[in-house]
Amino acid sequence: MLRFAVLLTLAAPPALAMLSPFYDSAEKITTILQDGAVADALRQAPIGAISNTGSFPDGADEWTVRTQECDLVLKLIAKPPGMPGKTTYSVEITTPCP
């Protein structure tokens, strides 16, 4: 019985490595907040809201960062891990502030 449990554990690491939707969205928001290009595009203005506003035709998430002066639209590009682990993201600015 113990051998069977060990085999099941070894056979399922990718499923065990997935983050819950809460932690995955936290990873996305953290990626946005830590990106220097986002801070520069917003001219270091205080953020009023960060929202997931849809998705692009290629399936990438669309996020909007709102300040008093601007709505910055971003594309979050998923970077799946090469082995078991969490998905990370990179940011591409699609609609810059005027």
C-alpha atoms as a PDB file:
ATOM      1  CA  MET A   1       0.000   0.000   0.000  1.00  0.00           C
ATOM      2  CA  LEU A   2       2.824   2.394   0.838  1.00  0.00           C
ATOM      3  CA  ARG A   3       4.502   1.722  -2.527  1.00  0.00           C
ATOM      4  CA  PHE A   4       1.258   2.538  -4.336  1.00  0.00           C
ATOM      5  CA  ALA A   5       0.953   5.853  -2.477  1.00  0.00           C
ATOM      6  CA  VAL A   6       4.552   6.733  -3.338  1.00  0.00           C
ATOM      7  CA  LEU A   7       3.961   5.913  -7.017  1.00  0.00           C
ATOM      8  CA  LEU A   8       0.867   8.116  -7.098  1.00  0.00           C
ATOM      9  CA  THR A   9       2.803  10.968  -5.520  1.00  0.00           C
ATOM     10  CA  LEU A  10       5.643  10.658  -8.020  1.00  0.00           C
ATOM     11  CA  ALA A  11       3.270  10.466 -10.967  1.00  0.00           C
ATOM     12  CA  ALA A  12       1.439  13.716 -10.134  1.00  0.00           C
ATOM     13  CA  PRO A  13       3.956  16.516  -9.505  1.00  0.00           C
ATOM     14  CA  PRO A  14       2.749  18.873 -12.287  1.00  0.00           C
ATOM     15  CA  ALA A  15      -0.781  18.884 -10.897  1.00  0.00           C
ATOM     16  CA  LEU A  16       0.532  19.476  -7.409  1.00  0.00           C
ATOM     17  CA  ALA A  17       2.656  22.385  -8.606  1.00  0.00           C
ATOM     18  CA  MET A  18      -0.258  24.441  -9.928  1.00  0.00           C
ATOM     19  CA  LEU A  19      -1.166  27.510  -7.890  1.00  0.00           C
ATOM     20  CA  SER A  20      -4.692  28.186  -6.770  1.00  0.00           C
ATOM     21  CA  PRO A  21      -6.461  30.909  -8.772  1.00  0.00           C
ATOM     22  CA  PHE A  22      -5.972  33.315  -5.836  1.00  0.00           C
ATOM     23  CA  TYR A  23      -2.201  32.862  -5.732  1.00  0.00           C
ATOM     24  CA  ASP A  24      -1.940  32.898  -9.524  1.00  0.00           C
ATOM     25  CA  SER A  25      -3.716  36.264  -9.706  1.00  0.00           C
ATOM     26  CA  ALA A  26      -1.475  37.530  -6.888  1.00  0.00           C
ATOM     27  CA  GLU A  27       1.535  36.439  -8.995  1.00  0.00           C
ATOM     28  CA  LYS A  28       0.140  38.413 -11.951  1.00  0.00           C
ATOM     29  CA  ILE A  29      -0.474  41.565  -9.897  1.00  0.00           C
ATOM     30  CA  THR A  30       2.985  41.319  -8.313  1.00  0.00           C
ATOM     31  CA  THR A  31       4.540  41.014 -11.780  1.00  0.00           C
ATOM     32  CA  ILE A  32       2.721  44.187 -12.867  1.00  0.00           C
ATOM     33  CA  LEU A  33       3.727  46.142  -9.754  1.00  0.00           C
ATOM     34  CA  GLN A  34       7.384  45.097  -9.973  1.00  0.00           C
ATOM     35  CA  ASP A  35       7.820  46.001 -13.642  1.00  0.00           C
ATOM     36  CA  GLY A  36       9.868  49.179 -14.032  1.00  0.00           C
ATOM     37  CA  ALA A  37       8.401  49.909 -17.468  1.00  0.00           C
ATOM     38  CA  VAL A  38       4.916  50.028 -15.904  1.00  0.00           C
ATOM     39  CA  ALA A  39       6.078  52.491 -13.235  1.00  0.00           C
ATOM     40  CA  ASP A  40       7.723  54.652 -15.902  1.00  0.00           C
ATOM     41  CA  ALA A  41       4.671  54.510 -18.193  1.00  0.00           C
ATOM     42  CA  LEU A  42       2.502  55.691 -15.299  1.00  0.00           C
ATOM     43  CA  ARG A  43       5.031  58.440 -14.514  1.00  0.00           C
ATOM     44  CA  GLN A  44       5.212  57.077 -10.954  1.00  0.00           C
ATOM     45  CA  ALA A  45       1.600  58.204 -10.338  1.00  0.00           C
ATOM     46  CA  PRO A  46      -0.357  56.539  -7.537  1.00  0.00           C
ATOM     47  CA  ILE A  47      -2.451  53.571  -8.661  1.00  0.00           C
ATOM     48  CA  GLY A  48      -6.204  53.741  -8.226  1.00  0.00           C
ATOM     49  CA  ALA A  49      -7.029  50.241  -9.467  1.00  0.00           C
ATOM     50  CA  ILE A  50      -5.569  47.167 -11.150  1.00  0.00           C
ATOM     51  CA  SER A  51      -8.117  45.046 -13.005  1.00  0.00           C
ATOM     52  CA  ASN A  52      -8.169  41.971 -15.193  1.00  0.00           C
ATOM     53  CA  THR A  53     -10.163  43.377 -18.095  1.00  0.00           C
ATOM     54  CA  GLY A  54     -10.284  40.443 -20.494  1.00  0.00           C
ATOM     55  CA  SER A  55      -8.002  38.513 -22.761  1.00  0.00           C
ATOM     56  CA  PHE A  56      -6.292  38.950 -26.117  1.00  0.00           C
ATOM     57  CA  PRO A  57      -7.022  36.735 -29.136  1.00  0.00           C
ATOM     58  CA  ASP A  58      -3.867  34.728 -28.353  1.00  0.00           C
ATOM     59  CA  GLY A  59      -5.240  33.923 -24.886  1.00  0.00           C
ATOM     60  CA  ALA A  60      -2.946  36.269 -22.914  1.00  0.00           C
ATOM     61  CA  ASP A  61      -4.575  38.171 -20.059  1.00  0.00           C
ATOM     62  CA  GLU A  62      -5.413  41.849 -20.477  1.00  0.00           C
ATOM     63  CA  TRP A  63      -4.926  44.000 -17.387  1.00  0.00           C
ATOM     64  CA  THR A  64      -5.653  47.695 -16.900  1.00  0.00           C
ATOM     65  CA  VAL A  65      -3.799  49.837 -14.382  1.00  0.00           C
ATOM     66  CA  ARG A  66      -5.778  52.991 -13.627  1.00  0.00           C
ATOM     67  CA  THR A  67      -4.442  56.259 -12.279  1.00  0.00           C
ATOM     68  CA  GLN A  68      -6.197  59.636 -12.120  1.00  0.00           C
ATOM     69  CA  GLU A  69      -4.677  60.618 -15.445  1.00  0.00           C
ATOM     70  CA  CYS A  70      -4.462  57.393 -17.412  1.00  0.00           C
ATOM     71  CA  ASP A  71      -5.645  53.842 -18.058  1.00  0.00           C
ATOM     72  CA  LEU A  72      -2.576  51.776 -18.959  1.00  0.00           C
ATOM     73  CA  VAL A  73      -3.491  48.525 -20.749  1.00  0.00           C
ATOM     74  CA  LEU A  74      -1.102  45.609 -20.373  1.00  0.00           C
ATOM     75  CA  LYS A  75      -0.706  42.150 -21.821  1.00  0.00           C
ATOM     76  CA  LEU A  76       0.487  39.512 -19.356  1.00  0.00           C
ATOM     77  CA  ILE A  77       2.348  36.757 -21.157  1.00  0.00           C
ATOM     78  CA  ALA A  78       2.471  33.406 -19.371  1.00  0.00           C
ATOM     79  CA  LYS A  79       5.818  31.645 -19.110  1.00  0.00           C
ATOM     80  CA  PRO A  80       5.113  28.030 -18.130  1.00  0.00           C
ATOM     81  CA  PRO A  81       7.894  26.339 -16.176  1.00  0.00           C
ATOM     82  CA  GLY A  82      10.112  23.813 -17.969  1.00  0.00           C
ATOM     83  CA  MET A  83       9.611  21.423 -15.063  1.00  0.00           C
ATOM     84  CA  PRO A  84       7.134  21.261 -12.194  1.00  0.00           C
ATOM     85  CA  GLY A  85       6.703  24.716 -10.736  1.00  0.00           C
ATOM     86  CA  LYS A  86       4.598  27.832 -10.971  1.00  0.00           C
ATOM     87  CA  THR A  87       3.864  29.792 -14.109  1.00  0.00           C
ATOM     88  CA  THR A  88       5.534  33.192 -14.223  1.00  0.00           C
ATOM     89  CA  TYR A  89       4.568  36.177 -16.332  1.00  0.00           C
ATOM     90  CA  SER A  90       6.067  39.027 -18.327  1.00  0.00           C
ATOM     91  CA  VAL A  91       4.436  42.372 -19.086  1.00  0.00           C
ATOM     92  CA  GLU A  92       3.927  44.037 -22.453  1.00  0.00           C
ATOM     93  CA  ILE A  93       2.393  47.526 -22.576  1.00  0.00           C
ATOM     94  CA  THR A  94      -0.253  47.552 -25.312  1.00  0.00           C
ATOM     95  CA  THR A  95      -1.924  50.936 -24.759  1.00  0.00           C
ATOM     96  CA  PRO A  96       0.448  53.473 -23.217  1.00  0.00           C
ATOM     97  CA  CYS A  97      -0.559  56.626 -21.396  1.00  0.00           C
ATOM     98  CA  PRO A  98      -0.713  59.767 -23.578  1.00  0.00           C
END
